[in-house]
Protein backbone atom coordinates (compact mmCIF):
# COMPACT_ATOMS: atom_id res chain seq x y z
CA MET A 1 168.26 -14.43 -75.85
CA THR A 2 166.83 -18.22 -75.70
CA GLU A 3 163.11 -18.53 -75.02
CA ALA A 4 164.00 -20.62 -71.96
CA ALA A 5 166.20 -17.73 -70.80
CA SER A 6 163.67 -14.98 -71.42
CA ALA A 7 160.93 -16.99 -69.47
CA ARG A 8 163.39 -17.67 -66.48
CA PRO A 9 161.73 -17.19 -63.07
CA ARG A 10 163.05 -14.67 -60.76
CA LYS A 11 163.03 -14.53 -57.10
CA VAL A 12 164.43 -11.07 -56.68
CA ARG A 13 164.53 -7.78 -58.75
CA THR A 14 167.71 -6.33 -59.84
CA PHE A 15 167.47 -2.56 -59.73
CA VAL A 16 171.14 -1.73 -60.43
CA ARG A 17 174.37 -3.85 -61.25
CA GLY A 18 177.76 -3.28 -59.93
CA MET A 19 180.86 -3.68 -61.74
CA THR A 20 184.01 -5.06 -60.37
CA SER A 21 187.24 -5.72 -61.95
CA GLU A 22 190.86 -6.96 -60.83
CA THR A 23 192.53 -4.40 -63.27
CA TYR A 24 191.92 -0.60 -63.78
CA GLY A 25 191.02 -1.18 -67.41
CA LEU A 26 187.57 -2.47 -68.10
CA ASP A 27 187.93 -3.64 -71.71
CA GLN A 28 186.69 -7.07 -71.02
CA HIS A 29 183.74 -5.68 -69.54
CA ARG A 30 182.78 -3.79 -72.35
CA LEU A 31 183.58 -6.90 -74.82
CA ARG A 32 181.20 -8.92 -72.96
CA GLN A 33 178.54 -6.31 -73.27
CA LEU A 34 179.01 -5.81 -77.00
CA ALA A 35 178.82 -9.33 -77.57
CA GLN A 36 175.08 -9.53 -76.85
CA ASP A 37 172.20 -9.52 -79.41
CA ARG A 38 170.82 -6.01 -79.69
CA VAL A 39 167.49 -6.86 -81.27
CA ARG A 40 164.98 -8.22 -79.32
CA ASP A 41 161.21 -9.03 -80.59
CA SER A 42 158.02 -9.90 -78.88
CA GLN A 43 159.10 -13.30 -77.75
CA VAL A 44 161.58 -11.73 -75.30
CA ILE A 45 160.25 -11.10 -71.89
CA THR A 46 163.22 -10.40 -69.47
CA ASP A 47 160.70 -9.77 -66.74
CA ASP A 48 156.96 -10.37 -66.17
CA GLY A 49 156.69 -8.04 -63.15
CA ASN A 50 155.92 -10.76 -60.53
CA VAL A 51 158.71 -10.06 -58.30
CA ALA A 52 159.51 -6.67 -56.49
CA HIS A 53 157.04 -4.60 -58.94
CA SER A 54 154.53 -2.37 -57.78
CA GLY A 55 152.08 -1.74 -60.83
CA ASN A 56 150.57 -5.10 -61.61
CA SER A 57 146.82 -5.79 -60.75
CA ALA A 58 144.53 -8.06 -62.08
CA THR A 59 143.65 -5.81 -65.04
CA SER A 60 146.86 -4.68 -65.74
CA HIS A 61 150.21 -6.40 -66.71
CA THR A 62 153.93 -5.27 -67.81
CA ARG A 63 156.15 -7.08 -69.86
CA TRP A 64 159.94 -5.80 -69.70
CA ARG A 65 162.10 -5.75 -72.95
CA VAL A 66 165.23 -3.93 -71.47
CA ALA A 67 166.28 -4.10 -67.76
CA PRO A 68 169.40 -4.13 -65.62
CA GLY A 69 168.37 -7.65 -64.43
CA ASP A 70 168.69 -9.32 -68.11
CA ALA A 71 170.40 -12.42 -68.14
CA GLU A 72 172.24 -11.03 -71.24
CA PHE A 73 173.20 -7.58 -69.76
CA LEU A 74 173.02 -4.71 -72.07
CA THR A 75 172.36 -1.58 -70.24
CA GLN A 76 171.10 -0.08 -67.14
CA THR A 77 170.99 3.75 -68.47
CA ILE A 78 167.62 3.01 -70.12
CA GLN A 79 164.98 0.56 -69.51
CA MET A 80 161.85 -0.26 -71.34
CA HIS A 81 158.56 -2.19 -70.90
CA PHE A 82 154.94 -2.66 -72.01
CA THR A 83 152.22 -1.93 -69.81
CA ASN A 84 148.82 -3.23 -70.79
CA VAL A 85 145.52 -2.10 -69.08
CA GLU A 86 142.63 -4.00 -69.89
CA GLY A 87 139.09 -2.46 -70.85
CA HIS A 88 137.61 -1.03 -67.56
CA GLY A 89 140.67 -1.88 -65.48
CA ALA A 90 143.35 -0.20 -63.78
CA ASN A 91 146.87 -0.72 -62.48
CA THR A 92 147.84 -0.40 -58.72
CA GLY A 93 148.55 3.09 -57.52
CA HIS A 94 151.93 3.32 -56.12
CA GLY A 95 154.94 5.98 -56.15
CA HIS A 96 158.49 6.01 -57.05
CA GLN A 97 161.27 8.88 -57.26
CA ASN A 98 162.40 8.37 -60.73
CA GLU A 99 160.46 9.70 -63.90
CA ALA A 100 158.97 7.57 -66.30
CA ALA A 101 157.79 8.29 -69.97
CA PHE A 102 154.86 6.50 -71.52
CA TYR A 103 154.24 6.40 -75.21
CA ILE A 104 150.70 5.35 -75.89
CA LEU A 105 150.69 2.64 -78.61
CA GLU A 106 146.87 1.70 -78.47
CA GLY A 107 143.75 2.77 -76.75
CA ALA A 108 142.82 5.49 -74.47
CA GLY A 109 142.48 6.31 -70.85
CA TYR A 110 143.96 8.48 -68.05
CA GLU A 111 146.53 8.94 -65.16
CA ILE A 112 146.13 10.27 -61.89
CA HIS A 113 149.02 11.94 -60.59
CA ASP A 114 149.29 13.35 -56.96
CA GLY A 115 145.48 13.48 -57.10
CA GLU A 116 145.47 15.23 -60.63
CA ARG A 117 143.79 13.50 -63.97
CA TYR A 118 145.90 13.68 -67.22
CA ASP A 119 143.98 12.12 -70.16
CA TRP A 120 145.74 10.24 -73.00
CA GLU A 121 145.00 8.36 -76.30
CA ALA A 122 147.12 6.49 -78.82
CA GLY A 123 150.26 8.65 -80.20
CA ASP A 124 150.59 10.60 -76.92
CA LEU A 125 153.80 10.66 -74.79
CA VAL A 126 152.70 11.06 -71.01
CA TYR A 127 155.23 12.09 -68.27
CA VAL A 128 155.15 10.55 -64.79
CA HIS A 129 157.31 13.22 -62.67
CA THR A 130 159.56 12.78 -60.14
CA ASP A 131 158.29 11.74 -56.62
CA SER A 132 154.77 11.04 -58.14
CA VAL A 133 151.97 8.79 -56.84
CA HIS A 134 150.28 7.83 -59.72
CA GLN A 135 147.67 5.17 -61.06
CA HIS A 136 146.68 4.37 -64.85
CA PHE A 137 142.92 3.86 -65.72
CA ASN A 138 141.23 2.51 -69.09
CA PRO A 139 137.40 3.24 -68.91
CA ASN A 140 137.20 2.06 -72.17
CA ASP A 141 136.00 -1.32 -73.75
CA GLU A 142 139.41 -1.93 -75.58
CA ASP A 143 142.52 -2.53 -73.96
CA ALA A 144 145.08 0.15 -73.89
CA LEU A 145 148.92 -0.36 -74.28
CA ALA A 146 151.94 1.89 -73.41
CA LEU A 147 155.57 1.58 -74.24
CA VAL A 148 157.33 3.05 -70.91
CA VAL A 149 160.80 4.17 -70.87
CA LYS A 150 162.72 5.47 -67.70
CA ALA A 151 166.12 5.90 -66.50
CA LYS A 152 165.36 4.26 -63.06
CA SER A 153 168.76 3.08 -62.27
CA THR A 154 170.30 6.54 -62.28
CA TRP A 155 167.97 7.52 -59.62
CA MET A 156 169.31 4.20 -57.78
CA PHE A 157 172.59 5.03 -58.05
CA LEU A 158 172.14 8.48 -56.76
CA GLY A 159 170.52 7.01 -53.44
CA LEU A 160 166.93 8.07 -54.69
CA ILE A 161 165.20 4.97 -53.75
CA GLN A 162 162.12 5.90 -51.52
CA GLN A 163 159.33 4.23 -53.43
CA GLY A 164 156.48 1.77 -52.80
CA ASN A 165 152.72 1.34 -52.73
CA PRO A 166 150.61 3.99 -50.36
CA HIS A 167 150.97 2.85 -47.01
CA ALA A 168 151.16 4.37 -43.41
CA LEU A 169 154.25 5.98 -42.13
CA LEU A 170 156.53 3.71 -40.47
CA GLU A 171 157.63 4.75 -36.64
CA PRO A 172 155.34 7.72 -36.84
CA GLU A 173 156.58 8.65 -33.13
CA ARG A 174 160.04 9.25 -34.41
CA PHE A 175 158.69 12.18 -37.11
CA GLY A 176 157.26 15.53 -36.84
CA PRO A 177 153.96 16.47 -38.90
CA ARG A 178 153.57 16.31 -42.96
CA GLU A 179 155.60 18.90 -44.85
CA GLU A 180 155.14 19.66 -48.38
CA TRP A 181 157.52 17.15 -50.53
CA GLY A 182 157.59 19.81 -53.39
CA ARG A 183 159.50 22.34 -51.60
CA ILE A 184 162.70 21.04 -52.71
CA TRP A 185 161.60 20.47 -56.35
CA THR A 186 163.25 22.93 -59.04
CA PRO A 187 161.26 26.03 -58.96
CA GLY A 188 158.47 26.24 -61.53
CA VAL A 189 158.02 22.30 -62.35
CA LEU A 190 154.47 22.78 -61.58
CA ASP A 191 153.90 25.03 -64.67
CA ARG A 192 155.41 22.50 -66.88
CA HIS A 193 153.22 20.15 -69.16
CA LYS A 194 152.74 16.52 -68.38
CA ARG A 195 151.56 15.06 -71.96
CA VAL A 196 152.91 15.57 -75.44
CA ARG A 197 150.36 14.98 -78.49
CA THR A 198 152.51 13.65 -81.19
CA GLY A 199 150.18 15.00 -83.93
CA GLU A 200 150.77 18.48 -82.44
CA VAL A 201 154.67 18.28 -83.04
CA ALA A 202 155.94 19.25 -86.42
CA TRP A 203 158.43 16.97 -88.20
CA GLU A 204 161.83 18.50 -88.89
CA ASP A 205 165.14 17.74 -90.40
CA GLY A 206 167.23 16.53 -87.52
CA PRO A 207 170.92 15.39 -87.26
CA ILE A 208 169.56 11.79 -87.83
CA GLY A 209 166.99 12.49 -90.29
CA ARG A 210 163.24 13.33 -90.36
CA MET A 211 162.48 13.70 -86.57
CA ARG A 212 159.69 14.66 -84.45
CA VAL A 213 161.17 15.47 -80.94
CA LEU A 214 158.88 14.64 -78.07
CA ALA A 215 161.07 15.09 -75.05
CA SER A 216 164.54 17.06 -74.97
CA GLN A 217 166.41 19.61 -72.75
CA ASP A 218 165.69 22.11 -75.88
CA VAL A 219 161.83 21.54 -74.82
CA PRO A 220 161.98 23.31 -71.40
CA GLU A 221 158.20 23.34 -70.81
CA GLY A 222 158.15 19.61 -70.68
CA ARG A 223 158.26 18.31 -67.08
CA ILE A 224 160.65 15.44 -67.53
CA PHE A 225 164.66 15.68 -66.80
CA SER A 226 166.06 12.17 -67.58
CA ILE A 227 164.64 10.94 -70.90
CA ASP A 228 164.92 12.39 -74.40
CA ALA A 229 162.80 10.96 -76.74
CA PHE A 230 161.87 11.40 -80.90
CA GLN A 231 160.19 9.77 -83.42
CA LEU A 232 162.36 9.02 -86.67
CA GLU A 233 160.67 8.41 -90.17
CA ILE A 234 162.91 6.86 -93.05
CA GLU A 235 161.10 6.90 -96.44
CA ALA A 236 160.85 3.46 -98.26
CA GLY A 237 164.40 2.39 -99.45
CA GLY A 238 166.01 5.32 -97.87
CA HIS A 239 168.10 5.65 -94.73
CA SER A 240 168.94 7.63 -91.55
CA SER A 241 172.12 9.76 -91.46
CA ARG A 242 175.45 7.81 -90.54
CA TYR A 243 175.81 9.35 -87.12
CA TRP A 244 178.21 8.95 -84.01
CA LYS A 245 177.36 9.69 -80.64
CA MET A 246 178.21 8.80 -76.94
CA ALA A 247 175.11 7.90 -75.42
CA ASP A 248 173.62 4.51 -75.96
CA GLU A 249 170.02 4.56 -76.88
CA VAL A 250 167.11 2.31 -77.69
CA TYR A 251 164.86 2.35 -80.73
CA TYR A 252 161.69 0.73 -81.04
CA VAL A 253 159.88 -0.15 -84.43
CA LEU A 254 156.49 1.41 -84.63
CA GLU A 255 155.87 0.58 -88.52
CA GLY A 256 157.70 -1.03 -91.51
CA GLY A 257 160.95 -2.64 -91.11
CA GLY A 258 164.27 -2.58 -92.51
CA TYR A 259 168.14 -2.91 -90.92
CA ALA A 260 170.50 -1.15 -88.92
CA LEU A 261 174.26 -1.01 -89.35
CA GLN A 262 176.26 -0.35 -86.21
CA TRP A 263 180.39 0.38 -86.07
CA GLU A 264 182.06 0.06 -82.85
CA VAL A 265 184.20 3.15 -81.87
CA ALA A 266 187.83 1.86 -79.98
CA ALA A 267 189.51 4.26 -77.79
CA GLU A 268 193.30 4.90 -78.23
CA ILE A 269 194.59 6.29 -75.23
CA ASP A 270 197.94 7.95 -75.74
CA ASP A 271 198.70 11.90 -75.10
CA ARG A 272 195.02 12.20 -75.25
CA TYR A 273 191.86 10.02 -76.39
CA TYR A 274 191.96 9.18 -80.24
CA ALA A 275 188.90 7.59 -81.73
CA HIS A 276 188.86 4.74 -84.32
CA ILE A 277 185.73 3.40 -85.98
CA ALA A 278 185.65 -0.07 -87.02
CA LEU A 279 186.10 -0.79 -90.78
CA GLU A 280 183.12 -3.17 -91.00
CA PRO A 281 179.74 -2.81 -89.05
CA LYS A 282 177.47 -5.21 -87.34
CA ARG A 283 174.39 -5.55 -89.16
CA PHE A 284 170.92 -6.03 -87.32
CA ASP A 285 167.61 -6.79 -89.26
CA LEU A 286 164.50 -5.05 -87.86
CA ALA A 287 160.80 -5.80 -88.07
CA THR A 288 157.40 -4.05 -86.59
CA ASP A 289 157.64 -4.52 -82.75
CA ASP A 290 161.36 -4.84 -82.60
CA THR A 291 163.60 -3.20 -80.06
CA LEU A 292 167.11 -2.10 -81.25
CA TYR A 293 169.70 -1.33 -78.92
CA VAL A 294 172.58 1.17 -79.73
CA PRO A 295 175.55 0.76 -77.13
CA GLN A 296 177.68 3.58 -76.21
CA ASN A 297 180.05 5.30 -78.19
CA HIS A 298 179.07 3.83 -81.61
CA VAL A 299 178.42 4.93 -84.86
CA CYS A 300 174.88 3.87 -86.23
CA GLN A 301 172.69 4.10 -89.35
CA LEU A 302 169.14 2.81 -90.13
CA PHE A 303 167.67 1.43 -93.51
CA ALA A 304 164.03 1.17 -94.27
CA ALA A 305 162.95 -1.63 -96.84
CA ASP A 306 161.61 -1.06 -100.11
CA GLY A 307 157.85 -0.51 -100.25
CA ALA A 308 156.98 0.85 -97.13
CA PRO A 309 158.60 3.55 -94.72
CA MET A 310 159.77 2.74 -91.48
CA ARG A 311 158.94 4.77 -88.26
CA LEU A 312 160.76 4.34 -85.04
CA PHE A 313 160.74 5.68 -81.32
CA ASN A 314 163.60 6.36 -79.57
CA ALA A 315 164.73 6.91 -76.16
CA GLN A 316 167.92 7.81 -74.33
CA ASN A 317 169.10 8.89 -70.92
CA ARG A 318 169.73 12.59 -70.78
CA LEU A 319 172.15 12.62 -68.32
CA PHE A 320 174.67 12.10 -71.22
CA LYS A 321 174.33 15.68 -72.26
CA HIS A 322 174.63 16.90 -68.63
CA LEU A 323 177.96 15.23 -68.60
CA GLY A 324 179.10 16.98 -71.62
CA TYR A 325 178.23 14.58 -74.46
CA ASP A 326 175.48 16.46 -76.25
CA ALA A 327 176.72 16.44 -79.96
CA VAL A 328 175.74 14.25 -82.83
CA HIS A 329 178.46 13.80 -85.24
CA VAL A 330 176.97 13.16 -88.79
CA LEU A 331 179.35 11.31 -91.03
CA GLU A 332 176.91 10.79 -93.92
CA PRO A 333 173.53 12.70 -94.17
CA ALA A 334 170.41 10.98 -94.32
CA SER A 335 168.57 10.00 -97.83
CA SER A 336 165.83 12.58 -97.42
CA ALA A 337 168.45 15.49 -96.50
CA ALA A 338 170.74 14.40 -99.17
CA THR A 339 167.97 15.05 -101.83
CA THR A 340 166.63 18.41 -100.66
């Protein structure tokens, strides 16, 4: 994406994109998506939050890295942006039906969710639950910075679009008295936790390599249902597994650098579906603060440069697992696993 394209002003915000075609097959649509660049650095700002966003204030700002309104369309299953809250600042209180997960990159502060306070500091993953009125505060001198991931378009496609800043009820004469909204939530959600302290989560050998799982359907005590997240650490000169999965995903490079290889998987539709993995991969160089996108139905492998390990944060939309795509197929083990 060119600098001019990334800075292009917007008059509207795209929440979801439609897909149309004159034919039943959608091969051309997929080819257009796969032709886009998959690495974005700090110079790419697809949206600065000035139009149709509710959180910005004089002391809080957002910078979008991946969103459905991107001029060069990548995905709308997962979105990613940065929220900066200046020292002694706060954003604007607001509510939306979709969840969000905040990975705290710098600083410390707290949230107010539905009137309750949740403190956080660098390294924490904080959940904003479904149908939450929330606001972020930074009482310290130093700025606080969070990486925010969400599956917002999923809610939009399902018609869950009741959101906005606090305001009086419109047409109150048409409606009865207040009812408790949470009566239609999944039973037991109030007992689930809203924050993960990364330092308290153990590293383990997972299908992709040395992983620290922060949010997953296998961690039922967390109050988040749409986002899976983990950290991945690759030793200097090492590599992750070469793995194949259906869900698309976004990596954010926390430390170090290296590169990624990605192999497209083609579908042969005959008497059944058959997969064909591309003979040659595409290569994407990575540095600290870069974002790497992995499209749906791809094989991926990540490599750390010599001299220092590479640590990454990963997020994906959990809906894929509910649709029957919860397997990760390993074609080659991670270097750390191969030597144990």
